[in-house]
Amino acid sequence: MDFVVTWELTSMTDAKLQEQISLVNVCMESLRRFHDIFDNAILTETVVPEDEGKLQELRATLPQQWESLFQQLGLRQNDSVQAVTEVASSLSTVITLTEFQTRKLYDLWHKSYMKLHFFLGRLQYRKESLASFHPAVAKARKFLTGAVIIVVLVGIALLIYSLLK
């Protein structure tokens, strides 16, 4: 009976799991774009107005996406993306960072990105585990468990009957 209950629960959570994976992918893509923009500014030491607008848009959406992700996953909020967006407040600020501050920015970004990779790996593993679980197997296990219980009960009943005779 436990196996059937497990299957029913996993079927219900499969859509939620897919939604969580999608949200991690969205966060990863936004964080990657954010990196590409500030990395380009640091390497070229120039501020492109289009890129500044994109950076500011991502600065506004990334913390919201991050918070939504942590809520979906049922985890305590982590401020690493907030720290990245604060250090890279504008491209003109980014190109004036000292070498130490630039390393710190890359380090903060890398930690955030790796955290997303970790979440994605765990969610994909869970998805693969659920995919390998088939409802027919659950029904067969339920049937066999029931059959074994019946055989044991009949055996006990016959043993008691033979002892009482």
C-alpha atoms as a PDB file:
ATOM      1  CA  MET A   1       0.000   0.000   0.000  1.00  0.00           C
ATOM      2  CA  ASP A   2       2.875   2.389   0.714  1.00  0.00           C
ATOM      3  CA  PHE A   3       4.137   2.034  -2.836  1.00  0.00           C
ATOM      4  CA  VAL A   4       0.834   3.090  -4.351  1.00  0.00           C
ATOM      5  CA  VAL A   5       0.631   6.073  -2.028  1.00  0.00           C
ATOM      6  CA  THR A   6       4.197   6.967  -3.017  1.00  0.00           C
ATOM      7  CA  TRP A   7       3.318   6.765  -6.706  1.00  0.00           C
ATOM      8  CA  GLU A   8       0.257   8.940  -6.270  1.00  0.00           C
ATOM      9  CA  LEU A   9       2.280  11.543  -4.387  1.00  0.00           C
ATOM     10  CA  THR A  10       5.100  11.526  -6.924  1.00  0.00           C
ATOM     11  CA  SER A  11       2.641  11.891  -9.788  1.00  0.00           C
ATOM     12  CA  MET A  12       1.183  14.937  -8.100  1.00  0.00           C
ATOM     13  CA  THR A  13       4.580  16.480  -7.412  1.00  0.00           C
ATOM     14  CA  ASP A  14       5.970  15.828 -10.901  1.00  0.00           C
ATOM     15  CA  ALA A  15       4.460  19.073 -12.244  1.00  0.00           C
ATOM     16  CA  LYS A  16       5.818  20.986  -9.245  1.00  0.00           C
ATOM     17  CA  LEU A  17       9.237  19.430  -9.771  1.00  0.00           C
ATOM     18  CA  GLN A  18       9.243  20.480 -13.427  1.00  0.00           C
ATOM     19  CA  GLU A  19       8.232  23.997 -12.378  1.00  0.00           C
ATOM     20  CA  GLN A  20      11.148  24.109  -9.911  1.00  0.00           C
ATOM     21  CA  ILE A  21      13.590  22.944 -12.596  1.00  0.00           C
ATOM     22  CA  SER A  22      12.288  25.625 -14.959  1.00  0.00           C
ATOM     23  CA  LEU A  23      12.678  28.292 -12.297  1.00  0.00           C
ATOM     24  CA  VAL A  24      16.288  27.233 -11.613  1.00  0.00           C
ATOM     25  CA  ASN A  25      17.002  27.410 -15.355  1.00  0.00           C
ATOM     26  CA  VAL A  26      15.484  30.899 -15.566  1.00  0.00           C
ATOM     27  CA  CYS A  27      17.611  32.061 -12.627  1.00  0.00           C
ATOM     28  CA  MET A  28      20.726  30.527 -14.177  1.00  0.00           C
ATOM     29  CA  GLU A  29      20.102  32.239 -17.503  1.00  0.00           C
ATOM     30  CA  SER A  30      19.512  35.621 -15.835  1.00  0.00           C
ATOM     31  CA  LEU A  31      22.633  35.244 -13.709  1.00  0.00           C
ATOM     32  CA  ARG A  32      24.651  34.209 -16.787  1.00  0.00           C
ATOM     33  CA  ARG A  33      23.438  37.272 -18.723  1.00  0.00           C
ATOM     34  CA  PHE A  34      24.266  39.486 -15.735  1.00  0.00           C
ATOM     35  CA  HIS A  35      27.783  38.029 -15.706  1.00  0.00           C
ATOM     36  CA  ASP A  36      28.248  38.501 -19.442  1.00  0.00           C
ATOM     37  CA  ILE A  37      27.289  42.164 -19.181  1.00  0.00           C
ATOM     38  CA  PHE A  38      29.548  43.072 -16.266  1.00  0.00           C
ATOM     39  CA  ASP A  39      32.360  40.859 -17.581  1.00  0.00           C
ATOM     40  CA  ASN A  40      32.281  42.623 -20.945  1.00  0.00           C
ATOM     41  CA  ALA A  41      32.425  46.022 -19.232  1.00  0.00           C
ATOM     42  CA  ILE A  42      35.388  44.954 -17.101  1.00  0.00           C
ATOM     43  CA  LEU A  43      37.301  43.498 -20.051  1.00  0.00           C
ATOM     44  CA  THR A  44      36.687  46.408 -22.422  1.00  0.00           C
ATOM     45  CA  GLU A  45      36.641  49.090 -19.693  1.00  0.00           C
ATOM     46  CA  THR A  46      33.746  50.754 -21.494  1.00  0.00           C
ATOM     47  CA  VAL A  47      30.130  51.385 -20.622  1.00  0.00           C
ATOM     48  CA  VAL A  48      27.634  50.661 -23.394  1.00  0.00           C
ATOM     49  CA  PRO A  49      24.280  52.380 -22.696  1.00  0.00           C
ATOM     50  CA  GLU A  50      22.305  49.345 -23.948  1.00  0.00           C
ATOM     51  CA  ASP A  51      24.226  47.083 -21.596  1.00  0.00           C
ATOM     52  CA  GLU A  52      23.669  49.487 -18.699  1.00  0.00           C
ATOM     53  CA  GLY A  53      19.916  49.245 -19.291  1.00  0.00           C
ATOM     54  CA  LYS A  54      20.066  45.441 -19.431  1.00  0.00           C
ATOM     55  CA  LEU A  55      22.167  45.341 -16.258  1.00  0.00           C
ATOM     56  CA  GLN A  56      19.686  47.538 -14.390  1.00  0.00           C
ATOM     57  CA  GLU A  57      16.792  45.374 -15.582  1.00  0.00           C
ATOM     58  CA  LEU A  58      18.559  42.235 -14.372  1.00  0.00           C
ATOM     59  CA  ARG A  59      19.467  43.941 -11.070  1.00  0.00           C
ATOM     60  CA  ALA A  60      15.745  44.469 -10.512  1.00  0.00           C
ATOM     61  CA  THR A  61      14.597  40.969 -11.510  1.00  0.00           C
ATOM     62  CA  LEU A  62      17.386  38.718 -10.198  1.00  0.00           C
ATOM     63  CA  PRO A  63      16.658  39.142  -6.466  1.00  0.00           C
ATOM     64  CA  GLN A  64      12.951  38.523  -7.111  1.00  0.00           C
ATOM     65  CA  GLN A  65      13.700  35.370  -9.119  1.00  0.00           C
ATOM     66  CA  TRP A  66      16.126  34.210  -6.424  1.00  0.00           C
ATOM     67  CA  GLU A  67      13.570  34.770  -3.655  1.00  0.00           C
ATOM     68  CA  SER A  68      10.872  32.983  -5.648  1.00  0.00           C
ATOM     69  CA  LEU A  69      13.217  30.036  -6.241  1.00  0.00           C
ATOM     70  CA  PHE A  70      14.047  29.676  -2.566  1.00  0.00           C
ATOM     71  CA  GLN A  71      10.359  29.845  -1.667  1.00  0.00           C
ATOM     72  CA  GLN A  72       9.527  27.171  -4.268  1.00  0.00           C
ATOM     73  CA  LEU A  73      12.270  24.923  -2.935  1.00  0.00           C
ATOM     74  CA  GLY A  74      11.220  25.560   0.666  1.00  0.00           C
ATOM     75  CA  LEU A  75      14.654  26.850   1.625  1.00  0.00           C
ATOM     76  CA  ARG A  76      15.815  29.736   3.753  1.00  0.00           C
ATOM     77  CA  GLN A  77      16.610  32.829   1.689  1.00  0.00           C
ATOM     78  CA  ASN A  78      20.235  33.264   0.656  1.00  0.00           C
ATOM     79  CA  ASP A  79      21.564  36.775  -0.033  1.00  0.00           C
ATOM     80  CA  SER A  80      24.376  35.877  -2.441  1.00  0.00           C
ATOM     81  CA  VAL A  81      22.604  37.277  -5.513  1.00  0.00           C
ATOM     82  CA  GLN A  82      21.736  40.408  -3.585  1.00  0.00           C
ATOM     83  CA  ALA A  83      25.451  40.838  -2.828  1.00  0.00           C
ATOM     84  CA  VAL A  84      26.348  40.407  -6.524  1.00  0.00           C
ATOM     85  CA  THR A  85      23.787  42.975  -7.629  1.00  0.00           C
ATOM     86  CA  GLU A  86      24.947  45.430  -4.956  1.00  0.00           C
ATOM     87  CA  VAL A  87      28.620  45.198  -5.966  1.00  0.00           C
ATOM     88  CA  ALA A  88      27.687  45.539  -9.649  1.00  0.00           C
ATOM     89  CA  SER A  89      25.268  48.419  -9.098  1.00  0.00           C
ATOM     90  CA  SER A  90      26.150  49.971 -12.468  1.00  0.00           C
ATOM     91  CA  LEU A  91      28.649  49.389 -15.254  1.00  0.00           C
ATOM     92  CA  SER A  92      30.451  52.631 -14.445  1.00  0.00           C
ATOM     93  CA  THR A  93      30.913  51.318 -10.905  1.00  0.00           C
ATOM     94  CA  VAL A  94      32.065  47.922 -12.186  1.00  0.00           C
ATOM     95  CA  ILE A  95      34.830  49.326 -14.379  1.00  0.00           C
ATOM     96  CA  THR A  96      36.209  51.375 -11.477  1.00  0.00           C
ATOM     97  CA  LEU A  97      36.449  48.441  -9.050  1.00  0.00           C
ATOM     98  CA  THR A  98      39.847  47.596  -7.624  1.00  0.00           C
ATOM     99  CA  GLU A  99      41.370  44.232  -8.472  1.00  0.00           C
ATOM    100  CA  PHE A 100      40.342  42.885  -5.062  1.00  0.00           C
ATOM    101  CA  GLN A 101      36.747  44.115  -5.494  1.00  0.00           C
ATOM    102  CA  THR A 102      36.621  42.631  -9.002  1.00  0.00           C
ATOM    103  CA  ARG A 103      37.768  39.257  -7.666  1.00  0.00           C
ATOM    104  CA  LYS A 104      35.134  39.510  -4.947  1.00  0.00           C
ATOM    105  CA  LEU A 105      32.448  40.225  -7.566  1.00  0.00           C
ATOM    106  CA  TYR A 106      33.484  37.204  -9.629  1.00  0.00           C
ATOM    107  CA  ASP A 107      33.655  35.058  -6.493  1.00  0.00           C
ATOM    108  CA  LEU A 108      30.173  36.097  -5.342  1.00  0.00           C
ATOM    109  CA  TRP A 109      28.796  35.468  -8.813  1.00  0.00           C
ATOM    110  CA  HIS A 110      30.500  32.078  -9.013  1.00  0.00           C
ATOM    111  CA  LYS A 111      29.135  30.968  -5.624  1.00  0.00           C
ATOM    112  CA  SER A 112      25.622  31.955  -6.645  1.00  0.00           C
ATOM    113  CA  TYR A 113      25.920  30.194  -9.986  1.00  0.00           C
ATOM    114  CA  MET A 114      27.313  27.022  -8.392  1.00  0.00           C
ATOM    115  CA  LYS A 115      24.462  27.025  -5.879  1.00  0.00           C
ATOM    116  CA  LEU A 116      22.029  27.027  -8.808  1.00  0.00           C
ATOM    117  CA  HIS A 117      23.928  24.154 -10.430  1.00  0.00           C
ATOM    118  CA  PHE A 118      23.669  22.225  -7.178  1.00  0.00           C
ATOM    119  CA  PHE A 119      19.892  22.809  -7.014  1.00  0.00           C
ATOM    120  CA  LEU A 120      19.481  21.842 -10.650  1.00  0.00           C
ATOM    121  CA  GLY A 121      21.446  18.629 -10.163  1.00  0.00           C
ATOM    122  CA  ARG A 122      19.366  17.609  -7.151  1.00  0.00           C
ATOM    123  CA  LEU A 123      16.093  18.371  -8.909  1.00  0.00           C
ATOM    124  CA  GLN A 124      17.101  16.501 -12.062  1.00  0.00           C
ATOM    125  CA  TYR A 125      18.180  13.509  -9.969  1.00  0.00           C
ATOM    126  CA  ARG A 126      14.800  13.539  -8.234  1.00  0.00           C
ATOM    127  CA  LYS A 127      13.067  13.786 -11.617  1.00  0.00           C
ATOM    128  CA  GLU A 128      15.034  10.818 -12.972  1.00  0.00           C
ATOM    129  CA  SER A 129      14.278   8.830  -9.830  1.00  0.00           C
ATOM    130  CA  LEU A 130      10.574   9.503 -10.254  1.00  0.00           C
ATOM    131  CA  ALA A 131      10.713   8.626 -13.938  1.00  0.00           C
ATOM    132  CA  SER A 132      12.228   5.226 -13.164  1.00  0.00           C
ATOM    133  CA  PHE A 133       9.365   4.430 -10.806  1.00  0.00           C
ATOM    134  CA  HIS A 134       6.517   2.846 -12.761  1.00  0.00           C
ATOM    135  CA  PRO A 135       2.915   2.471 -11.496  1.00  0.00           C
ATOM    136  CA  ALA A 136       2.745  -1.159 -12.639  1.00  0.00           C
ATOM    137  CA  VAL A 137       5.624  -1.988 -10.303  1.00  0.00           C
ATOM    138  CA  ALA A 138       3.758  -0.351  -7.440  1.00  0.00           C
ATOM    139  CA  LYS A 139       0.624  -2.372  -8.175  1.00  0.00           C
ATOM    140  CA  ALA A 140       2.615  -5.601  -8.404  1.00  0.00           C
ATOM    141  CA  ARG A 141       4.311  -4.877  -5.075  1.00  0.00           C
ATOM    142  CA  LYS A 142       0.968  -4.078  -3.469  1.00  0.00           C
ATOM    143  CA  PHE A 143      -0.503  -7.333  -4.787  1.00  0.00           C
ATOM    144  CA  LEU A 144       2.483  -9.398  -3.654  1.00  0.00           C
ATOM    145  CA  THR A 145       2.524  -7.740  -0.241  1.00  0.00           C
ATOM    146  CA  GLY A 146      -1.187  -8.528   0.157  1.00  0.00           C
ATOM    147  CA  ALA A 147      -0.651 -12.122  -1.005  1.00  0.00           C
ATOM    148  CA  VAL A 148       2.222 -12.658   1.441  1.00  0.00           C
ATOM    149  CA  ILE A 149       0.132 -11.270   4.307  1.00  0.00           C
ATOM    150  CA  ILE A 150      -2.734 -13.607   3.412  1.00  0.00           C
ATOM    151  CA  VAL A 151      -0.404 -16.622   3.259  1.00  0.00           C
ATOM    152  CA  VAL A 152       1.120 -15.719   6.634  1.00  0.00           C
ATOM    153  CA  LEU A 153      -2.318 -15.260   8.213  1.00  0.00           C
ATOM    154  CA  VAL A 154      -3.561 -18.566   6.796  1.00  0.00           C
ATOM    155  CA  GLY A 155      -0.402 -20.263   8.078  1.00  0.00           C
ATOM    156  CA  ILE A 156      -0.910 -18.815  11.556  1.00  0.00           C
ATOM    157  CA  ALA A 157      -4.567 -19.837  11.499  1.00  0.00           C
ATOM    158  CA  LEU A 158      -3.637 -23.421  10.492  1.00  0.00           C
ATOM    159  CA  LEU A 159      -0.969 -23.550  13.197  1.00  0.00           C
ATOM    160  CA  ILE A 160      -3.419 -22.369  15.854  1.00  0.00           C
ATOM    161  CA  TYR A 161      -6.052 -24.810  14.557  1.00  0.00           C
ATOM    162  CA  SER A 162      -3.594 -27.732  14.708  1.00  0.00           C
ATOM    163  CA  LEU A 163      -2.493 -26.786  18.231  1.00  0.00           C
ATOM    164  CA  LEU A 164      -6.096 -26.550  19.470  1.00  0.00           C
ATOM    165  CA  LYS A 165      -7.015 -29.993  18.071  1.00  0.00           C
END
